[in-house]
C-alpha atoms as a PDB file:
ATOM      1  CA  MET A   1      15.176 155.095  63.629  1.00  0.00           C
ATOM      2  CA  ASN A   2      15.426 154.707  59.894  1.00  0.00           C
ATOM      3  CA  ARG A   3      14.440 151.187  58.830  1.00  0.00           C
ATOM      4  CA  PHE A   4      16.773 151.325  55.841  1.00  0.00           C
ATOM      5  CA  GLN A   5      19.796 152.085  57.965  1.00  0.00           C
ATOM      6  CA  LYS A   6      21.951 148.998  58.619  1.00  0.00           C
ATOM      7  CA  ASN A   7      22.838 148.085  62.144  1.00  0.00           C
ATOM      8  CA  SER A   8      26.632 147.681  62.105  1.00  0.00           C
ATOM      9  CA  SER A   9      26.947 145.484  65.249  1.00  0.00           C
ATOM     10  CA  ARG A  10      25.092 142.444  63.882  1.00  0.00           C
ATOM     11  CA  PRO A  11      27.319 141.670  60.867  1.00  0.00           C
ATOM     12  CA  MET A  12      30.392 141.733  63.099  1.00  0.00           C
ATOM     13  CA  LEU A  13      28.744 139.341  65.540  1.00  0.00           C
ATOM     14  CA  ARG A  14      27.690 137.079  62.673  1.00  0.00           C
ATOM     15  CA  ASN A  15      31.223 137.121  61.220  1.00  0.00           C
ATOM     16  CA  PHE A  16      32.654 136.289  64.644  1.00  0.00           C
ATOM     17  CA  LEU A  17      30.287 133.329  64.958  1.00  0.00           C
ATOM     18  CA  TYR A  18      31.271 132.064  61.493  1.00  0.00           C
ATOM     19  CA  ILE A  19      34.969 132.303  62.368  1.00  0.00           C
ATOM     20  CA  PHE A  20      34.380 130.580  65.718  1.00  0.00           C
ATOM     21  CA  PHE A  21      32.406 127.786  64.013  1.00  0.00           C
ATOM     22  CA  PHE A  22      35.095 127.367  61.335  1.00  0.00           C
ATOM     23  CA  CYS A  23      37.865 127.144  63.967  1.00  0.00           C
ATOM     24  CA  GLY A  24      35.833 124.528  65.845  1.00  0.00           C
ATOM     25  CA  ILE A  25      35.487 122.414  62.701  1.00  0.00           C
ATOM     26  CA  ILE A  26      39.251 122.700  62.063  1.00  0.00           C
ATOM     27  CA  CYS A  27      40.013 121.571  65.645  1.00  0.00           C
ATOM     28  CA  ILE A  28      37.712 118.557  65.319  1.00  0.00           C
ATOM     29  CA  PHE A  29      39.324 117.639  61.991  1.00  0.00           C
ATOM     30  CA  LEU A  30      42.858 117.863  63.401  1.00  0.00           C
ATOM     31  CA  SER A  31      41.869 115.789  66.429  1.00  0.00           C
ATOM     32  CA  GLY A  32      40.477 113.072  64.168  1.00  0.00           C
ATOM     33  CA  LEU A  33      43.579 113.159  62.005  1.00  0.00           C
ATOM     34  CA  SER A  34      45.791 112.701  65.065  1.00  0.00           C
ATOM     35  CA  SER A  35      43.701 109.744  66.196  1.00  0.00           C
ATOM     36  CA  VAL A  36      43.955 108.078  62.790  1.00  0.00           C
ATOM     37  CA  SER A  37      47.722 108.605  62.819  1.00  0.00           C
ATOM     38  CA  ARG A  38      48.061 106.892  66.224  1.00  0.00           C
ATOM     39  CA  ILE A  39      45.943 103.940  65.110  1.00  0.00           C
ATOM     40  CA  THR A  40      47.934 103.558  61.889  1.00  0.00           C
ATOM     41  CA  SER A  41      51.228 103.611  63.762  1.00  0.00           C
ATOM     42  CA  SER A  42      49.964 100.953  66.161  1.00  0.00           C
ATOM     43  CA  ASN A  43      48.830  98.775  63.246  1.00  0.00           C
ATOM     44  CA  GLU A  44      52.240  99.165  61.568  1.00  0.00           C
ATOM     45  CA  GLU A  45      53.989  97.975  64.737  1.00  0.00           C
ATOM     46  CA  GLU A  46      51.727  94.930  64.993  1.00  0.00           C
ATOM     47  CA  SER A  47      52.178  94.126  61.297  1.00  0.00           C
ATOM     48  CA  LEU A  48      55.970  94.321  61.600  1.00  0.00           C
ATOM     49  CA  LYS A  49      55.941  92.033  64.631  1.00  0.00           C
ATOM     50  CA  LYS A  50      53.725  89.497  62.823  1.00  0.00           C
ATOM     51  CA  SER A  51      55.926  89.480  59.721  1.00  0.00           C
ATOM     52  CA  ILE A  52      59.081  88.922  61.802  1.00  0.00           C
ATOM     53  CA  LEU A  53      57.382  86.110  63.711  1.00  0.00           C
ATOM     54  CA  GLN A  54      56.089  84.478  60.508  1.00  0.00           C
ATOM     55  CA  SER A  55      59.550  84.620  58.969  1.00  0.00           C
ATOM     56  CA  ALA A  56      61.111  83.042  62.067  1.00  0.00           C
ATOM     57  CA  VAL A  57      58.507  80.250  62.082  1.00  0.00           C
ATOM     58  CA  HIS A  58      59.011  79.719  58.344  1.00  0.00           C
ATOM     59  CA  CYS A  59      62.755  79.399  58.924  1.00  0.00           C
ATOM     60  CA  TYR A  60      62.138  76.838  61.657  1.00  0.00           C
ATOM     61  CA  ALA A  61      59.739  74.866  59.449  1.00  0.00           C
ATOM     62  CA  THR A  62      62.051  74.774  56.435  1.00  0.00           C
ATOM     63  CA  GLN A  63      65.514  74.705  58.001  1.00  0.00           C
ATOM     64  CA  GLY A  64      64.889  73.211  61.450  1.00  0.00           C
ATOM     65  CA  PHE A  65      66.069  76.153  63.586  1.00  0.00           C
ATOM     66  CA  TYR A  66      64.976  79.597  64.623  1.00  0.00           C
ATOM     67  CA  PRO A  67      67.268  82.379  63.412  1.00  0.00           C
ATOM     68  CA  ASP A  68      69.709  83.640  66.022  1.00  0.00           C
ATOM     69  CA  SER A  69      69.404  87.304  64.984  1.00  0.00           C
ATOM     70  CA  MET A  70      67.385  89.817  63.000  1.00  0.00           C
ATOM     71  CA  ASP A  71      70.275  90.093  60.558  1.00  0.00           C
ATOM     72  CA  TYR A  72      69.623  86.537  59.409  1.00  0.00           C
ATOM     73  CA  LEU A  73      65.953  87.319  58.752  1.00  0.00           C
ATOM     74  CA  GLU A  74      66.852  90.511  56.903  1.00  0.00           C
ATOM     75  CA  GLU A  75      69.382  88.764  54.661  1.00  0.00           C
ATOM     76  CA  ASN A  76      67.513  85.525  53.948  1.00  0.00           C
ATOM     77  CA  TYR A  77      63.812  86.319  54.346  1.00  0.00           C
ATOM     78  CA  GLY A  78      63.530  89.864  53.041  1.00  0.00           C
ATOM     79  CA  ILE A  79      62.486  91.512  56.290  1.00  0.00           C
ATOM     80  CA  SER A  80      62.964  95.265  56.036  1.00  0.00           C
ATOM     81  CA  TYR A  81      61.677  98.127  58.129  1.00  0.00           C
ATOM     82  CA  ASP A  82      62.399 101.755  58.887  1.00  0.00           C
ATOM     83  CA  LYS A  83      65.079 101.527  61.571  1.00  0.00           C
ATOM     84  CA  GLU A  84      64.674 105.184  62.469  1.00  0.00           C
ATOM     85  CA  LYS A  85      60.961 104.707  63.130  1.00  0.00           C
ATOM     86  CA  TYR A  86      60.949 101.313  64.884  1.00  0.00           C
ATOM     87  CA  LEU A  87      63.181  99.547  67.375  1.00  0.00           C
ATOM     88  CA  VAL A  88      63.036  95.748  67.198  1.00  0.00           C
ATOM     89  CA  SER A  89      64.092  93.542  70.070  1.00  0.00           C
ATOM     90  CA  TYR A  90      64.809  90.009  68.812  1.00  0.00           C
ATOM     91  CA  GLU A  91      65.995  87.690  71.573  1.00  0.00           C
ATOM     92  CA  ALA A  92      66.812  84.120  70.570  1.00  0.00           C
ATOM     93  CA  PHE A  93      67.152  81.622  73.428  1.00  0.00           C
ATOM     94  CA  GLY A  94      68.169  78.610  71.383  1.00  0.00           C
ATOM     95  CA  SER A  95      67.835  77.121  67.931  1.00  0.00           C
ATOM     96  CA  ASN A  96      64.725  75.141  68.900  1.00  0.00           C
ATOM     97  CA  MET A  97      62.980  77.770  71.064  1.00  0.00           C
ATOM     98  CA  MET A  98      60.766  80.518  69.666  1.00  0.00           C
ATOM     99  CA  PRO A  99      62.492  83.907  69.968  1.00  0.00           C
ATOM    100  CA  ASP A 100      60.998  86.778  71.936  1.00  0.00           C
ATOM    101  CA  ILE A 101      60.100  89.561  69.490  1.00  0.00           C
ATOM    102  CA  THR A 102      59.138  93.057  70.600  1.00  0.00           C
ATOM    103  CA  VAL A 103      58.600  96.089  68.380  1.00  0.00           C
ATOM    104  CA  PHE A 104      58.773  99.617  69.771  1.00  0.00           C
ATOM    105  CA  SER A 105      57.926 102.868  68.060  1.00  0.00           C
ATOM    106  CA  ASN A 106      60.885 105.248  68.200  1.00  0.00           C
ATOM    107  CA  ASN A 107      59.260 108.483  69.343  1.00  0.00           C
ATOM    108  CA  SER A 108      62.484 110.404  69.900  1.00  0.00           C
ATOM    109  CA  LYS A 109      62.436 113.802  68.279  1.00  0.00           C
ATOM    110  CA  LYS A 110      64.987 114.661  65.636  1.00  0.00           C
ATOM    111  CA  GLY A 111      67.682 117.020  66.793  1.00  0.00           C
ATOM    112  CA  GLU A 112      67.869 115.738  70.371  1.00  0.00           C
ATOM    113  CA  ASN A 113      71.160 114.372  71.638  1.00  0.00           C
END
């Protein structure tokens, strides 16, 4: 065997290993990105719920009643949110009782009926 002759099977194996390693790194990166996205969405929901609750409590402290609907908070306290992304359940039981506030992420896919 000629020692100056290149063995053609090793570079292909090495290239395959590089490609496999690169694909593994890409998969790990995408998995981490997905995890960060879920955490961010959860934090946005919690932040929206807290801001709605703070606005309702502020209304009660300054005006003596809890708002009867989200529309009141949107008009008078500047609450705004992406209505396509989040569903807000605001249930008022009376003017002197704290409302029940629930925020849901709207995970429906666009194009579905």
